[in-house]
N, C-alpha and C. Protein backbone atom coordinates (compact mmCIF):
# COMPACT_ATOMS: atom_id res chain seq x y z
N MET A 1 -34.47 85.12 -49.34
CA MET A 1 -33.16 85.45 -48.80
C MET A 1 -32.22 84.29 -49.12
N ARG A 2 -31.05 84.60 -49.62
CA ARG A 2 -30.08 83.59 -50.00
C ARG A 2 -28.92 83.59 -49.00
N THR A 3 -28.51 82.41 -48.60
CA THR A 3 -27.37 82.27 -47.70
C THR A 3 -26.10 82.68 -48.43
N LYS A 4 -25.21 83.35 -47.71
CA LYS A 4 -23.93 83.78 -48.27
C LYS A 4 -22.80 83.27 -47.39
N LEU A 5 -21.66 83.07 -47.99
CA LEU A 5 -20.46 82.67 -47.27
C LEU A 5 -19.59 83.91 -47.09
N ILE A 6 -19.43 84.35 -45.84
CA ILE A 6 -18.63 85.53 -45.54
C ILE A 6 -17.32 85.07 -44.91
N LEU A 7 -16.21 85.41 -45.56
CA LEU A 7 -14.90 85.03 -45.02
C LEU A 7 -14.36 86.19 -44.19
N PRO A 8 -14.25 85.99 -42.87
CA PRO A 8 -13.85 87.09 -41.97
C PRO A 8 -12.35 87.29 -41.84
N ASP A 9 -11.58 86.51 -42.58
CA ASP A 9 -10.13 86.59 -42.45
C ASP A 9 -9.52 85.99 -43.71
N SER A 10 -8.27 86.32 -43.98
CA SER A 10 -7.61 85.76 -45.16
C SER A 10 -7.11 84.33 -44.92
N GLY A 11 -7.05 83.91 -43.66
CA GLY A 11 -6.54 82.57 -43.34
C GLY A 11 -7.21 81.44 -44.12
N PRO A 12 -8.55 81.40 -44.19
CA PRO A 12 -9.18 80.33 -44.95
C PRO A 12 -8.79 80.34 -46.43
N LEU A 13 -8.58 81.51 -46.99
CA LEU A 13 -8.14 81.57 -48.39
C LEU A 13 -6.79 80.89 -48.56
N PHE A 14 -5.86 81.17 -47.64
CA PHE A 14 -4.55 80.54 -47.71
C PHE A 14 -4.64 79.03 -47.49
N SER A 15 -5.52 78.62 -46.57
CA SER A 15 -5.68 77.18 -46.31
C SER A 15 -6.22 76.45 -47.53
N PHE A 16 -7.25 77.01 -48.16
CA PHE A 16 -7.80 76.37 -49.36
C PHE A 16 -6.82 76.45 -50.53
N ALA A 17 -6.08 77.54 -50.63
CA ALA A 17 -5.11 77.69 -51.73
C ALA A 17 -3.97 76.69 -51.61
N ALA A 18 -3.70 76.21 -50.41
CA ALA A 18 -2.61 75.26 -50.19
C ALA A 18 -2.90 73.88 -50.79
N VAL A 19 -4.17 73.63 -51.07
CA VAL A 19 -4.58 72.33 -51.64
C VAL A 19 -4.87 72.54 -53.11
N ASP A 20 -4.36 71.66 -53.95
CA ASP A 20 -4.61 71.76 -55.38
C ASP A 20 -6.11 71.78 -55.65
N GLY A 21 -6.60 72.84 -56.25
CA GLY A 21 -8.03 72.98 -56.53
C GLY A 21 -8.85 73.37 -55.32
N GLY A 22 -8.20 73.70 -54.22
CA GLY A 22 -8.90 73.99 -52.97
C GLY A 22 -9.80 75.21 -53.04
N LEU A 23 -9.34 76.27 -53.71
CA LEU A 23 -10.17 77.47 -53.80
C LEU A 23 -11.48 77.18 -54.54
N GLU A 24 -11.41 76.31 -55.52
CA GLU A 24 -12.62 75.94 -56.27
C GLU A 24 -13.62 75.23 -55.37
N LEU A 25 -13.13 74.55 -54.34
CA LEU A 25 -14.04 73.88 -53.40
C LEU A 25 -14.96 74.89 -52.70
N LEU A 26 -14.45 76.10 -52.47
CA LEU A 26 -15.29 77.13 -51.84
C LEU A 26 -16.50 77.47 -52.71
N LEU A 27 -16.37 77.29 -54.00
CA LEU A 27 -17.47 77.61 -54.92
C LEU A 27 -18.46 76.46 -55.09
N GLU A 28 -18.06 75.26 -54.70
CA GLU A 28 -18.88 74.07 -54.92
C GLU A 28 -20.25 74.13 -54.26
N ALA A 29 -20.37 74.80 -53.14
CA ALA A 29 -21.66 74.89 -52.45
C ALA A 29 -22.65 75.78 -53.22
N GLY A 30 -22.15 76.55 -54.17
CA GLY A 30 -23.01 77.43 -54.93
C GLY A 30 -23.45 78.67 -54.17
N LEU A 31 -22.79 78.95 -53.06
CA LEU A 31 -23.14 80.13 -52.26
C LEU A 31 -22.32 81.33 -52.72
N PRO A 32 -22.94 82.51 -52.75
CA PRO A 32 -22.15 83.70 -53.03
C PRO A 32 -21.11 83.89 -51.92
N ILE A 33 -19.92 84.28 -52.30
CA ILE A 33 -18.83 84.48 -51.34
C ILE A 33 -18.60 85.98 -51.20
N ILE A 34 -18.49 86.43 -49.95
CA ILE A 34 -18.26 87.84 -49.68
C ILE A 34 -16.94 88.01 -48.92
N LEU A 35 -16.12 88.91 -49.45
CA LEU A 35 -14.86 89.31 -48.81
C LEU A 35 -14.90 90.82 -48.65
N THR A 36 -14.20 91.33 -47.66
CA THR A 36 -14.02 92.77 -47.63
C THR A 36 -12.75 93.10 -48.41
N ASP A 37 -12.66 94.34 -48.84
CA ASP A 37 -11.48 94.76 -49.58
C ASP A 37 -10.21 94.60 -48.76
N TYR A 38 -10.32 94.76 -47.45
CA TYR A 38 -9.14 94.59 -46.60
C TYR A 38 -8.67 93.13 -46.60
N ILE A 39 -9.61 92.21 -46.52
CA ILE A 39 -9.24 90.79 -46.51
C ILE A 39 -8.58 90.41 -47.83
N LEU A 40 -9.09 90.94 -48.93
CA LEU A 40 -8.45 90.68 -50.23
C LEU A 40 -7.06 91.29 -50.26
N TRP A 41 -6.92 92.52 -49.74
CA TRP A 41 -5.60 93.15 -49.68
C TRP A 41 -4.64 92.30 -48.85
N GLU A 42 -5.14 91.86 -47.69
CA GLU A 42 -4.33 91.05 -46.78
C GLU A 42 -3.86 89.77 -47.47
N ALA A 43 -4.72 89.17 -48.26
CA ALA A 43 -4.40 87.89 -48.92
C ALA A 43 -3.47 88.06 -50.11
N THR A 44 -3.45 89.25 -50.71
CA THR A 44 -2.69 89.41 -51.95
C THR A 44 -1.51 90.37 -51.84
N ARG A 45 -1.33 91.00 -50.71
CA ARG A 45 -0.33 92.07 -50.59
C ARG A 45 1.11 91.62 -50.80
N SER A 46 1.41 90.37 -50.50
CA SER A 46 2.81 89.94 -50.57
C SER A 46 3.30 89.72 -52.00
N GLY A 47 2.38 89.46 -52.91
CA GLY A 47 2.79 89.16 -54.28
C GLY A 47 3.39 87.77 -54.44
N SER A 48 3.27 86.93 -53.41
CA SER A 48 3.79 85.56 -53.49
C SER A 48 2.96 84.76 -54.49
N PRO A 49 3.44 83.59 -54.91
CA PRO A 49 2.64 82.77 -55.82
C PRO A 49 1.25 82.45 -55.27
N THR A 50 1.14 82.22 -53.96
CA THR A 50 -0.17 81.96 -53.37
C THR A 50 -1.04 83.20 -53.41
N ALA A 51 -0.46 84.36 -53.12
CA ALA A 51 -1.21 85.61 -53.17
C ALA A 51 -1.70 85.88 -54.58
N ILE A 52 -0.87 85.62 -55.57
CA ILE A 52 -1.27 85.80 -56.97
C ILE A 52 -2.40 84.84 -57.32
N LEU A 53 -2.29 83.60 -56.87
CA LEU A 53 -3.34 82.61 -57.12
C LEU A 53 -4.67 83.08 -56.54
N ILE A 54 -4.65 83.58 -55.32
CA ILE A 54 -5.88 84.06 -54.67
C ILE A 54 -6.45 85.25 -55.44
N GLY A 55 -5.61 86.19 -55.80
CA GLY A 55 -6.06 87.36 -56.56
C GLY A 55 -6.68 86.97 -57.90
N GLU A 56 -6.05 86.04 -58.59
CA GLU A 56 -6.59 85.58 -59.88
C GLU A 56 -7.90 84.83 -59.69
N TRP A 57 -8.01 84.05 -58.61
CA TRP A 57 -9.23 83.31 -58.32
C TRP A 57 -10.39 84.27 -58.07
N VAL A 58 -10.16 85.29 -57.26
CA VAL A 58 -11.21 86.28 -56.98
C VAL A 58 -11.60 87.00 -58.28
N ALA A 59 -10.61 87.46 -59.03
CA ALA A 59 -10.88 88.18 -60.27
C ALA A 59 -11.60 87.31 -61.30
N GLY A 60 -11.34 86.01 -61.26
CA GLY A 60 -11.92 85.09 -62.23
C GLY A 60 -13.34 84.66 -61.93
N HIS A 61 -13.90 85.09 -60.80
CA HIS A 61 -15.26 84.68 -60.42
C HIS A 61 -16.08 85.89 -59.96
N PRO A 62 -16.24 86.91 -60.82
CA PRO A 62 -16.94 88.12 -60.39
C PRO A 62 -18.42 87.88 -60.06
N GLY A 63 -19.04 86.89 -60.63
CA GLY A 63 -20.44 86.62 -60.34
C GLY A 63 -20.64 85.86 -59.04
N ALA A 64 -19.60 85.20 -58.57
CA ALA A 64 -19.71 84.37 -57.37
C ALA A 64 -19.05 85.00 -56.15
N ILE A 65 -18.09 85.90 -56.38
CA ILE A 65 -17.35 86.50 -55.26
C ILE A 65 -17.53 88.01 -55.30
N SER A 66 -18.02 88.55 -54.19
CA SER A 66 -18.19 90.00 -54.06
C SER A 66 -17.15 90.53 -53.09
N VAL A 67 -16.57 91.66 -53.44
CA VAL A 67 -15.62 92.33 -52.56
C VAL A 67 -16.29 93.63 -52.10
N VAL A 68 -16.52 93.73 -50.79
CA VAL A 68 -17.20 94.88 -50.21
C VAL A 68 -16.15 95.90 -49.77
N GLU A 69 -16.30 97.13 -50.25
CA GLU A 69 -15.38 98.20 -49.85
C GLU A 69 -15.66 98.62 -48.41
N THR A 70 -14.59 98.89 -47.69
CA THR A 70 -14.68 99.39 -46.31
C THR A 70 -13.69 100.54 -46.16
N GLU A 71 -13.92 101.36 -45.16
CA GLU A 71 -13.00 102.47 -44.90
C GLU A 71 -11.60 101.96 -44.59
N ARG A 72 -11.53 100.92 -43.76
CA ARG A 72 -10.21 100.38 -43.38
C ARG A 72 -9.52 99.74 -44.58
N GLY A 73 -10.28 99.11 -45.43
CA GLY A 73 -9.70 98.51 -46.63
C GLY A 73 -9.14 99.57 -47.56
N GLN A 74 -9.86 100.66 -47.71
CA GLN A 74 -9.38 101.76 -48.55
C GLN A 74 -8.13 102.38 -47.95
N ALA A 75 -8.12 102.52 -46.63
CA ALA A 75 -6.94 103.07 -45.95
C ALA A 75 -5.73 102.15 -46.13
N ALA A 76 -5.96 100.84 -46.05
CA ALA A 76 -4.86 99.89 -46.24
C ALA A 76 -4.33 99.98 -47.66
N SER A 77 -5.22 100.13 -48.62
CA SER A 77 -4.80 100.25 -50.01
C SER A 77 -3.94 101.50 -50.20
N ARG A 78 -4.37 102.61 -49.61
CA ARG A 78 -3.57 103.84 -49.68
C ARG A 78 -2.24 103.64 -48.97
N GLY A 79 -2.27 102.97 -47.81
CA GLY A 79 -1.06 102.71 -47.04
C GLY A 79 -0.08 101.84 -47.80
N ARG A 80 -0.60 100.89 -48.57
CA ARG A 80 0.26 100.01 -49.36
C ARG A 80 1.02 100.82 -50.38
N LYS A 81 0.36 101.81 -50.94
CA LYS A 81 1.02 102.63 -51.94
C LYS A 81 2.07 103.54 -51.31
N GLN A 82 1.81 103.99 -50.09
CA GLN A 82 2.73 104.91 -49.42
C GLN A 82 3.83 104.15 -48.69
N ALA A 83 3.45 103.19 -47.90
CA ALA A 83 4.39 102.36 -47.13
C ALA A 83 3.58 101.23 -46.51
N SER A 84 4.21 100.11 -46.28
CA SER A 84 3.45 98.99 -45.72
C SER A 84 3.04 99.31 -44.28
N LEU A 85 1.82 98.86 -43.94
CA LEU A 85 1.34 99.08 -42.58
C LEU A 85 2.14 98.24 -41.59
N GLN A 86 2.36 98.78 -40.42
CA GLN A 86 3.04 98.01 -39.40
C GLN A 86 2.12 96.88 -38.94
N LYS A 87 2.73 95.78 -38.56
CA LYS A 87 1.95 94.61 -38.16
C LYS A 87 0.96 94.94 -37.05
N LYS A 88 1.37 95.73 -36.09
CA LYS A 88 0.50 96.08 -34.97
C LYS A 88 -0.75 96.83 -35.47
N GLN A 89 -0.62 97.65 -36.50
CA GLN A 89 -1.74 98.39 -37.05
C GLN A 89 -2.73 97.46 -37.77
N ARG A 90 -2.26 96.31 -38.23
CA ARG A 90 -3.10 95.38 -39.00
C ARG A 90 -3.82 94.37 -38.12
N ARG A 91 -3.54 94.33 -36.85
CA ARG A 91 -4.09 93.30 -35.98
C ARG A 91 -5.62 93.35 -35.95
N ASN A 92 -6.26 92.24 -36.30
CA ASN A 92 -7.72 92.07 -36.28
C ASN A 92 -8.48 93.01 -37.21
N VAL A 93 -7.81 93.66 -38.13
CA VAL A 93 -8.51 94.58 -39.02
C VAL A 93 -9.46 93.83 -39.94
N GLY A 94 -9.08 92.66 -40.42
CA GLY A 94 -9.97 91.88 -41.27
C GLY A 94 -11.30 91.62 -40.60
N GLU A 95 -11.25 91.20 -39.36
CA GLU A 95 -12.47 90.94 -38.60
C GLU A 95 -13.26 92.24 -38.39
N GLN A 96 -12.56 93.32 -38.14
CA GLN A 96 -13.23 94.60 -37.93
C GLN A 96 -13.94 95.07 -39.20
N THR A 97 -13.37 94.78 -40.36
CA THR A 97 -14.03 95.20 -41.60
C THR A 97 -15.31 94.42 -41.84
N ILE A 98 -15.39 93.19 -41.33
CA ILE A 98 -16.64 92.44 -41.43
C ILE A 98 -17.74 93.18 -40.68
N PHE A 99 -17.42 93.68 -39.48
CA PHE A 99 -18.41 94.42 -38.71
C PHE A 99 -18.81 95.72 -39.41
N GLU A 100 -17.88 96.29 -40.16
CA GLU A 100 -18.20 97.49 -40.92
C GLU A 100 -19.12 97.15 -42.11
N ALA A 101 -18.88 96.01 -42.74
CA ALA A 101 -19.66 95.63 -43.92
C ALA A 101 -21.00 94.99 -43.59
N LEU A 102 -21.11 94.31 -42.45
CA LEU A 102 -22.33 93.59 -42.11
C LEU A 102 -23.59 94.45 -42.03
N PRO A 103 -23.57 95.62 -41.41
CA PRO A 103 -24.82 96.38 -41.36
C PRO A 103 -25.42 96.64 -42.74
N ARG A 104 -24.58 96.93 -43.73
CA ARG A 104 -25.08 97.14 -45.09
C ARG A 104 -25.69 95.86 -45.64
N ALA A 105 -25.00 94.74 -45.43
CA ALA A 105 -25.50 93.46 -45.94
C ALA A 105 -26.81 93.07 -45.25
N ILE A 106 -26.89 93.30 -43.95
CA ILE A 106 -28.11 92.98 -43.21
C ILE A 106 -29.25 93.86 -43.69
N TRP A 107 -29.00 95.15 -43.87
CA TRP A 107 -30.04 96.05 -44.32
C TRP A 107 -30.54 95.64 -45.70
N GLU A 108 -29.64 95.28 -46.61
CA GLU A 108 -30.05 94.84 -47.95
C GLU A 108 -30.90 93.59 -47.86
N THR A 109 -30.55 92.68 -46.95
CA THR A 109 -31.34 91.46 -46.77
C THR A 109 -32.72 91.78 -46.21
N VAL A 110 -32.77 92.64 -45.21
CA VAL A 110 -34.06 93.03 -44.62
C VAL A 110 -34.94 93.69 -45.67
N ARG A 111 -34.37 94.56 -46.45
CA ARG A 111 -35.15 95.26 -47.49
C ARG A 111 -35.69 94.29 -48.53
N SER A 112 -35.05 93.13 -48.69
CA SER A 112 -35.49 92.19 -49.71
C SER A 112 -36.69 91.34 -49.27
N PHE A 113 -36.99 91.31 -47.97
CA PHE A 113 -38.15 90.56 -47.50
C PHE A 113 -39.41 91.22 -48.03
N SER A 114 -40.20 90.49 -48.77
CA SER A 114 -41.40 91.09 -49.38
C SER A 114 -42.38 91.60 -48.33
N CYS A 115 -42.47 90.94 -47.17
CA CYS A 115 -43.41 91.39 -46.15
C CYS A 115 -42.98 92.71 -45.52
N LEU A 116 -41.71 93.09 -45.66
CA LEU A 116 -41.23 94.33 -45.06
C LEU A 116 -41.05 95.44 -46.08
N LYS A 117 -41.25 95.15 -47.36
CA LYS A 117 -40.98 96.16 -48.38
C LYS A 117 -41.78 97.43 -48.16
N LYS A 118 -43.03 97.30 -47.74
CA LYS A 118 -43.84 98.48 -47.52
C LYS A 118 -43.31 99.31 -46.35
N ILE A 119 -42.79 98.64 -45.33
CA ILE A 119 -42.25 99.33 -44.15
C ILE A 119 -40.95 100.04 -44.50
N CYS A 120 -40.09 99.38 -45.27
CA CYS A 120 -38.76 99.91 -45.56
C CYS A 120 -38.75 100.92 -46.70
N SER A 121 -39.74 100.92 -47.52
CA SER A 121 -39.75 101.82 -48.68
C SER A 121 -40.15 103.23 -48.30
């Protein structure tokens, strides 16, 4: 089982992006990074220079950064195309998408334990 870095909010991305080379520091530990699609949307929706930097950083590291699709993330993406979501509708959604994505990640980890493969198969 390999440790992963799960970012539950876009805030850390903005904090690291504020420092020259800061996003690259997230990769230095050699841990796979997991974001939900909503968190990526939240970090890149404004189209600001920082949002573009974050989007390019994620796109530039497909082997190190995984983006997990969630229902809320897909809804936000559709909403972005139709009209921007109201701030009240976006409250804590990033954190909620982690809870949506975690059961899948946990199940994949459990299935990878060799001692449990016979039970799970």
